[in-house]
Amino acid sequence: MGHKVHPNAFRLGVFRPWEANWFANPKDYTKMLHEDLEMRRIILARLRNAGIAKIETERSSNAQLTVTIHTAKPGIVIGKGGSSVDQLREDLEKRFGNRVRISIQEIKQPELDAQLVAENIASQIERRISYKRAMKQAILRTMRSGAKGVRIYCGGRLRGAEMARREWDREGRVPLHTLRADIMFGRATAKTTFGAIGVKVWIYKDQITPAKLRQLAPIAEETVPLAEVVAPQAELIQAIAQPETAQAEVATPEAAVQTPARRPRTTAVPKVEEKAAPAKPKAAPKPKTEAKADIKKPVAKAKPAASATKKPKKAKD
């Protein structure tokens, strides 16, 4: 039997960071954990239609809680003049008794976020749109926006059937076993009159190398030229250590004078003249061809004479 693993949790620490960044004493850990979970429920319930994909929390040493909301519709979260954000911050401070700082980040490509795609399909199913049509449209949008693979899974009483079943569709490739694969996973629930229908979405963006390999790559490139620079320095040291040999080679000017005297003996000029002389008799064979042509002409004239002699023989017969 297969054991299913959450794609986001499977890649934590490889290249994907945690959504909650804080440390606590063993006594306060459970309290802070439940505070985070309840805070996420409050934000998602209040900003239900804001297209929230992810909520990150961070606690500092001075008991300040920083909440980062990733949303596709920042205008709904901020409100008119920031009224909704201020109200949300005040409610969280009263509820948990800590100073809360809220920052909002916009998602520029919601088609590449698995959580937003799953929520979009669930909302269409609640509005009685065919689940097949919703799945195919979502796949087309994500692939057009630059994804390398998409897989969508729907399960429940599809189209109001009495027996629940599962339907899924896929395009491209989704390598779930590859840790370096940047796969986003999201799920949502469509609450219909005939029951709940679950939606799961996997989106494969691209393959990512770990951050450690990126840091080691420039270091390895810098070490290569260092070895090349050291090699010529050793050669210079050896040349400086042997000055006598260099002086002995320079102290022989007679050898340099004798070399130009030998060059005229081996010049290529007489060779060219000797080659040019035999080239003239080669042009003489041209009249031979004319003589051959003259010899062939009388032979051609003699042939009709022979034919003329044969004709009277036929007449005699």
Protein backbone atom coordinates (compact mmCIF):
# COMPACT_ATOMS: atom_id res chain seq x y z
CA MET A 1 0.00 0.00 0.00
CA GLY A 2 1.23 3.49 -0.78
CA HIS A 3 1.96 5.96 1.99
CA LYS A 4 1.03 9.49 1.02
CA VAL A 5 3.35 12.31 2.07
CA HIS A 6 2.52 16.01 2.06
CA PRO A 7 4.59 17.57 -0.76
CA ASN A 8 5.29 20.78 1.17
CA ALA A 9 6.37 19.00 4.37
CA PHE A 10 8.46 16.54 2.34
CA ARG A 11 10.63 19.42 1.05
CA LEU A 12 11.02 21.39 4.27
CA GLY A 13 14.67 22.14 4.88
CA VAL A 14 15.75 21.20 1.35
CA PHE A 15 14.83 24.50 -0.28
CA ARG A 16 11.45 25.41 1.26
CA PRO A 17 11.35 27.31 4.58
CA TRP A 18 8.91 26.86 7.42
CA GLU A 19 5.74 28.97 7.62
CA ALA A 20 6.21 29.54 11.37
CA ASN A 21 9.62 30.93 12.37
CA TRP A 22 10.05 31.12 16.13
CA PHE A 23 11.60 29.34 19.09
CA ALA A 24 10.04 28.68 22.50
CA ASN A 25 10.76 27.02 25.79
CA PRO A 26 9.34 23.52 26.27
CA LYS A 27 6.77 24.94 28.71
CA ASP A 28 5.47 27.61 26.30
CA TYR A 29 5.63 25.58 23.08
CA THR A 30 2.10 24.17 23.16
CA LYS A 31 0.62 27.56 24.04
CA MET A 32 2.35 29.31 21.14
CA LEU A 33 1.48 26.53 18.72
CA HIS A 34 -2.23 26.77 19.51
CA GLU A 35 -2.04 30.55 19.25
CA ASP A 36 -0.67 30.23 15.74
CA LEU A 37 -3.33 27.75 14.69
CA GLU A 38 -6.18 29.84 16.10
CA MET A 39 -4.77 33.02 14.56
CA ARG A 40 -4.75 31.35 11.13
CA ARG A 41 -8.36 30.25 11.55
CA ILE A 42 -9.45 33.80 12.47
CA ILE A 43 -7.67 35.38 9.50
CA LEU A 44 -8.97 32.81 6.99
CA ALA A 45 -12.54 33.09 8.32
CA ARG A 46 -12.55 36.89 8.18
CA LEU A 47 -10.79 37.20 4.81
CA ARG A 48 -12.56 34.35 3.11
CA ASN A 49 -12.88 35.95 -0.32
CA ALA A 50 -9.48 37.68 -0.35
CA GLY A 51 -7.63 34.80 -2.05
CA ILE A 52 -5.21 34.05 0.79
CA ALA A 53 -2.65 31.43 -0.20
CA LYS A 54 -0.28 31.37 2.78
CA ILE A 55 0.15 32.93 6.24
CA GLU A 56 3.61 33.19 7.77
CA THR A 57 4.27 33.97 11.43
CA GLU A 58 7.42 35.14 13.17
CA ARG A 59 7.98 35.85 16.85
CA SER A 60 10.75 38.13 18.13
CA SER A 61 12.38 38.22 21.56
CA ASN A 62 10.35 41.25 22.66
CA ALA A 63 7.03 39.33 22.41
CA GLN A 64 6.11 40.86 19.05
CA LEU A 65 4.23 38.74 16.53
CA THR A 66 4.78 39.47 12.83
CA VAL A 67 2.15 38.08 10.47
CA THR A 68 2.77 38.01 6.69
CA ILE A 69 -0.31 37.42 4.53
CA HIS A 70 0.21 36.27 0.92
CA THR A 71 -2.89 37.20 -1.04
CA ALA A 72 -3.96 37.62 -4.63
CA LYS A 73 -6.37 40.47 -3.74
CA PRO A 74 -4.54 42.89 -1.48
CA GLY A 75 -7.24 45.54 -1.90
CA ILE A 76 -9.78 43.43 -0.01
CA VAL A 77 -7.34 42.76 2.84
CA ILE A 78 -6.30 46.41 3.23
CA GLY A 79 -9.74 47.94 2.81
CA LYS A 80 -10.51 51.64 2.39
CA GLY A 81 -7.64 53.61 3.86
CA GLY A 82 -6.33 50.51 5.66
CA SER A 83 -9.37 50.26 7.91
CA SER A 84 -9.76 46.46 7.67
CA VAL A 85 -6.07 45.83 8.43
CA ASP A 86 -6.15 48.07 11.50
CA GLN A 87 -9.29 46.36 12.75
CA LEU A 88 -7.74 42.92 12.24
CA ARG A 89 -4.59 43.93 14.10
CA GLU A 90 -6.57 45.26 17.06
CA ASP A 91 -8.65 42.09 17.28
CA LEU A 92 -5.54 39.88 17.26
CA GLU A 93 -3.84 41.97 19.96
CA LYS A 94 -6.90 41.74 22.22
CA ARG A 95 -7.24 38.00 21.62
CA PHE A 96 -3.59 36.97 22.24
CA GLY A 97 -2.27 39.86 24.34
CA ASN A 98 0.82 40.44 22.16
CA ARG A 99 1.86 43.22 19.86
CA VAL A 100 0.97 42.24 16.32
CA ARG A 101 2.49 43.59 13.10
CA ILE A 102 0.76 42.69 9.81
CA SER A 103 2.46 42.83 6.41
CA ILE A 104 0.77 42.02 3.12
CA GLN A 105 2.43 40.54 0.05
CA GLU A 106 0.72 40.34 -3.31
CA ILE A 107 0.79 37.18 -5.43
CA LYS A 108 1.38 38.35 -9.00
CA GLN A 109 0.57 34.99 -10.65
CA PRO A 110 -2.34 33.33 -8.81
CA GLU A 111 -2.56 30.68 -11.56
CA LEU A 112 0.74 29.20 -10.31
CA ASP A 113 -0.38 28.92 -6.68
CA ALA A 114 -1.89 25.52 -5.92
CA GLN A 115 -3.98 26.71 -2.96
CA LEU A 116 -5.65 29.47 -4.98
CA VAL A 117 -6.32 27.11 -7.90
CA ALA A 118 -7.94 24.57 -5.56
CA GLU A 119 -10.13 27.24 -3.95
CA ASN A 120 -11.17 28.49 -7.39
CA ILE A 121 -12.27 25.00 -8.48
CA ALA A 122 -14.14 24.45 -5.21
CA SER A 123 -16.03 27.73 -5.60
CA GLN A 124 -17.05 26.77 -9.14
CA ILE A 125 -18.34 23.39 -7.97
CA GLU A 126 -20.39 25.14 -5.27
CA ARG A 127 -21.96 27.26 -8.01
CA ARG A 128 -23.07 24.05 -9.79
CA ILE A 129 -20.49 24.27 -12.57
CA SER A 130 -19.34 20.95 -14.02
CA TYR A 131 -16.24 19.69 -12.23
CA LYS A 132 -14.71 18.47 -15.52
CA ARG A 133 -15.01 21.90 -17.07
CA ALA A 134 -13.54 23.58 -13.98
CA MET A 135 -10.59 21.16 -13.93
CA LYS A 136 -9.78 21.57 -17.63
CA GLN A 137 -9.94 25.36 -17.49
CA ALA A 138 -7.66 25.43 -14.45
CA ILE A 139 -5.13 23.17 -16.19
CA LEU A 140 -5.08 25.37 -19.29
CA ARG A 141 -4.52 28.54 -17.28
CA THR A 142 -1.70 27.11 -15.21
CA MET A 143 0.11 25.65 -18.21
CA ARG A 144 -0.19 28.93 -20.12
CA SER A 145 1.28 30.83 -17.17
CA GLY A 146 4.51 28.78 -17.34
CA ALA A 147 4.00 25.63 -15.24
CA LYS A 148 5.69 22.39 -16.36
CA GLY A 149 3.03 20.08 -14.96
CA VAL A 150 -0.37 20.09 -13.21
CA ARG A 151 -2.42 17.41 -11.53
CA ILE A 152 -5.94 17.98 -10.13
CA TYR A 153 -7.93 15.51 -8.06
CA CYS A 154 -11.62 15.70 -7.13
CA GLY A 155 -13.40 13.23 -4.87
CA GLY A 156 -16.92 12.94 -3.45
CA ARG A 157 -20.50 12.81 -4.73
CA LEU A 158 -19.65 14.30 -8.10
CA ARG A 159 -22.74 15.57 -9.98
CA GLY A 160 -24.90 14.44 -7.06
CA ALA A 161 -24.26 10.73 -7.61
CA GLU A 162 -25.38 8.39 -4.84
CA MET A 163 -22.01 6.66 -4.77
CA ALA A 164 -18.91 8.80 -4.26
CA ARG A 165 -16.05 8.43 -6.72
CA ARG A 166 -12.73 10.01 -7.63
CA GLU A 167 -11.82 11.88 -10.79
CA TRP A 168 -8.45 13.33 -11.69
CA ASP A 169 -6.78 14.97 -14.65
CA ARG A 170 -3.16 15.76 -15.44
CA GLU A 171 -1.00 17.55 -17.97
CA GLY A 172 2.79 17.62 -18.13
CA ARG A 173 4.87 15.87 -15.48
CA VAL A 174 4.73 16.06 -11.66
CA PRO A 175 7.80 14.31 -10.15
CA LEU A 176 6.68 13.84 -6.54
CA HIS A 177 9.75 11.73 -5.62
CA THR A 178 12.25 14.42 -6.67
CA LEU A 179 13.21 16.56 -3.69
CA ARG A 180 14.63 19.35 -5.86
CA ALA A 181 11.34 19.69 -7.75
CA ASP A 182 9.44 22.85 -6.84
CA ILE A 183 5.95 21.39 -6.38
CA MET A 184 3.15 23.43 -4.83
CA PHE A 185 0.31 21.57 -3.15
CA GLY A 186 -3.08 22.90 -2.13
CA ARG A 187 -6.46 21.52 -1.15
CA ALA A 188 -9.94 22.92 -0.65
CA THR A 189 -13.43 21.67 0.16
CA ALA A 190 -16.57 22.48 -1.81
CA LYS A 191 -19.62 22.36 0.48
CA THR A 192 -22.56 21.49 -1.76
CA THR A 193 -26.18 20.53 -1.02
CA PHE A 194 -25.43 16.85 -1.71
CA GLY A 195 -22.24 16.65 0.37
CA ALA A 196 -18.65 17.81 0.56
CA ILE A 197 -16.34 17.46 -2.43
CA GLY A 198 -12.59 17.58 -1.87
CA VAL A 199 -10.18 19.19 -4.33
CA LYS A 200 -6.41 18.65 -4.43
CA VAL A 201 -3.97 20.40 -6.75
CA TRP A 202 -0.29 19.72 -7.50
CA ILE A 203 1.64 22.27 -9.61
CA TYR A 204 5.19 21.56 -10.79
CA LYS A 205 7.04 24.79 -11.58
CA ASP A 206 10.68 23.89 -12.11
CA GLN A 207 13.63 22.00 -10.65
CA ILE A 208 15.57 23.92 -7.99
CA THR A 209 19.05 23.19 -6.65
CA PRO A 210 19.59 23.60 -2.92
CA ALA A 211 20.89 26.93 -1.65
CA LYS A 212 24.11 25.31 -0.42
CA LEU A 213 25.03 24.20 -3.93
CA ARG A 214 24.49 27.73 -5.20
CA GLN A 215 26.89 29.09 -2.60
CA LEU A 216 29.55 26.46 -3.31
CA ALA A 217 29.45 26.99 -7.08
CA PRO A 218 31.06 30.50 -7.11
CA ILE A 219 33.70 29.37 -4.61
CA ALA A 220 34.73 26.51 -6.89
CA GLU A 221 34.95 28.86 -9.88
CA GLU A 222 37.27 31.22 -7.99
CA THR A 223 39.67 28.44 -6.98
CA VAL A 224 40.38 27.48 -10.60
CA PRO A 225 42.27 30.65 -11.64
CA LEU A 226 44.34 30.60 -8.44
CA ALA A 227 46.09 27.40 -9.54
CA GLU A 228 46.76 28.90 -12.97
CA VAL A 229 48.38 31.99 -11.48
CA VAL A 230 50.73 29.99 -9.24
CA ALA A 231 52.20 27.93 -12.13
CA PRO A 232 53.87 30.79 -14.08
CA GLN A 233 55.29 32.21 -10.86
CA ALA A 234 57.22 28.95 -10.30
CA GLU A 235 58.65 29.17 -13.83
CA LEU A 236 59.85 32.71 -13.22
CA ILE A 237 61.60 31.61 -10.05
CA GLN A 238 63.42 28.83 -11.94
CA ALA A 239 64.52 31.25 -14.69
CA ILE A 240 65.86 33.71 -12.12
CA ALA A 241 67.77 30.93 -10.34
CA GLN A 242 69.76 30.13 -13.56
CA PRO A 243 71.23 33.47 -14.82
CA GLU A 244 74.51 31.97 -16.10
CA THR A 245 72.86 29.98 -18.86
CA ALA A 246 71.13 33.06 -20.18
CA GLN A 247 74.42 34.98 -20.31
CA ALA A 248 76.20 32.16 -22.15
CA GLU A 249 73.61 32.21 -24.88
CA VAL A 250 73.82 35.97 -25.37
CA ALA A 251 77.66 36.02 -25.36
CA THR A 252 77.93 34.31 -28.81
CA PRO A 253 77.40 37.03 -31.41
CA GLU A 254 79.46 35.18 -34.07
CA ALA A 255 76.83 32.49 -34.40
CA ALA A 256 74.26 35.13 -35.14
CA VAL A 257 76.52 36.59 -37.87
CA GLN A 258 77.12 33.23 -39.57
CA THR A 259 73.47 32.40 -39.95
CA PRO A 260 72.70 35.09 -42.57
CA ALA A 261 75.79 34.00 -44.65
CA ARG A 262 74.39 30.49 -45.02
CA ARG A 263 70.96 31.63 -46.15
CA PRO A 264 71.96 32.67 -49.75
CA ARG A 265 73.38 29.19 -50.39
CA THR A 266 69.99 27.62 -49.74
CA THR A 267 67.90 30.22 -51.50
CA ALA A 268 64.90 29.09 -53.49
CA VAL A 269 65.72 31.29 -56.52
CA PRO A 270 67.92 28.76 -58.42
CA LYS A 271 65.35 26.07 -57.74
CA VAL A 272 62.69 28.12 -59.46
CA GLU A 273 64.95 28.67 -62.50
CA GLU A 274 65.70 24.96 -62.84
CA LYS A 275 62.02 24.16 -62.73
CA ALA A 276 61.23 26.82 -65.30
CA ALA A 277 63.77 25.47 -67.84
CA PRO A 278 62.19 22.04 -68.31
CA ALA A 279 58.80 23.67 -68.59
CA LYS A 280 59.65 25.02 -72.10
CA PRO A 281 60.21 21.65 -73.86
CA LYS A 282 56.87 20.48 -72.46
CA ALA A 283 55.13 22.89 -74.83
CA ALA A 284 56.80 21.21 -77.86
CA PRO A 285 54.54 18.14 -77.94
CA LYS A 286 51.68 20.27 -79.31
CA PRO A 287 52.73 19.77 -83.00
CA LYS A 288 52.67 16.01 -82.41
CA THR A 289 48.94 16.16 -81.95
CA GLU A 290 48.64 18.07 -85.21
CA ALA A 291 50.71 15.39 -86.98
CA LYS A 292 48.47 12.70 -85.61
CA ALA A 293 45.45 14.55 -86.90
CA ASP A 294 47.07 14.84 -90.35
CA ILE A 295 47.77 11.13 -90.39
CA LYS A 296 44.18 10.30 -89.54
CA LYS A 297 42.80 12.44 -92.38
CA PRO A 298 44.25 10.37 -95.27
CA VAL A 299 42.97 7.24 -93.61
CA ALA A 300 39.51 8.73 -93.60
CA LYS A 301 39.88 9.56 -97.32
CA ALA A 302 41.04 6.08 -98.15
CA LYS A 303 37.86 4.52 -96.73
CA PRO A 304 35.55 5.86 -99.45
CA ALA A 305 37.95 4.54 -102.06
CA ALA A 306 37.60 1.07 -100.66
CA SER A 307 33.85 1.38 -100.68
CA ALA A 308 33.95 2.45 -104.30
CA THR A 309 35.86 -0.67 -105.22
CA LYS A 310 33.29 -2.83 -103.50
CA LYS A 311 30.38 -1.37 -105.50
CA PRO A 312 31.49 -2.70 -108.88
CA LYS A 313 31.75 -6.17 -107.34
CA LYS A 314 28.06 -5.99 -106.50
CA ALA A 315 27.29 -4.90 -110.00
CA LYS A 316 29.14 -7.90 -111.44
CA ASP A 317 27.04 -10.23 -109.32
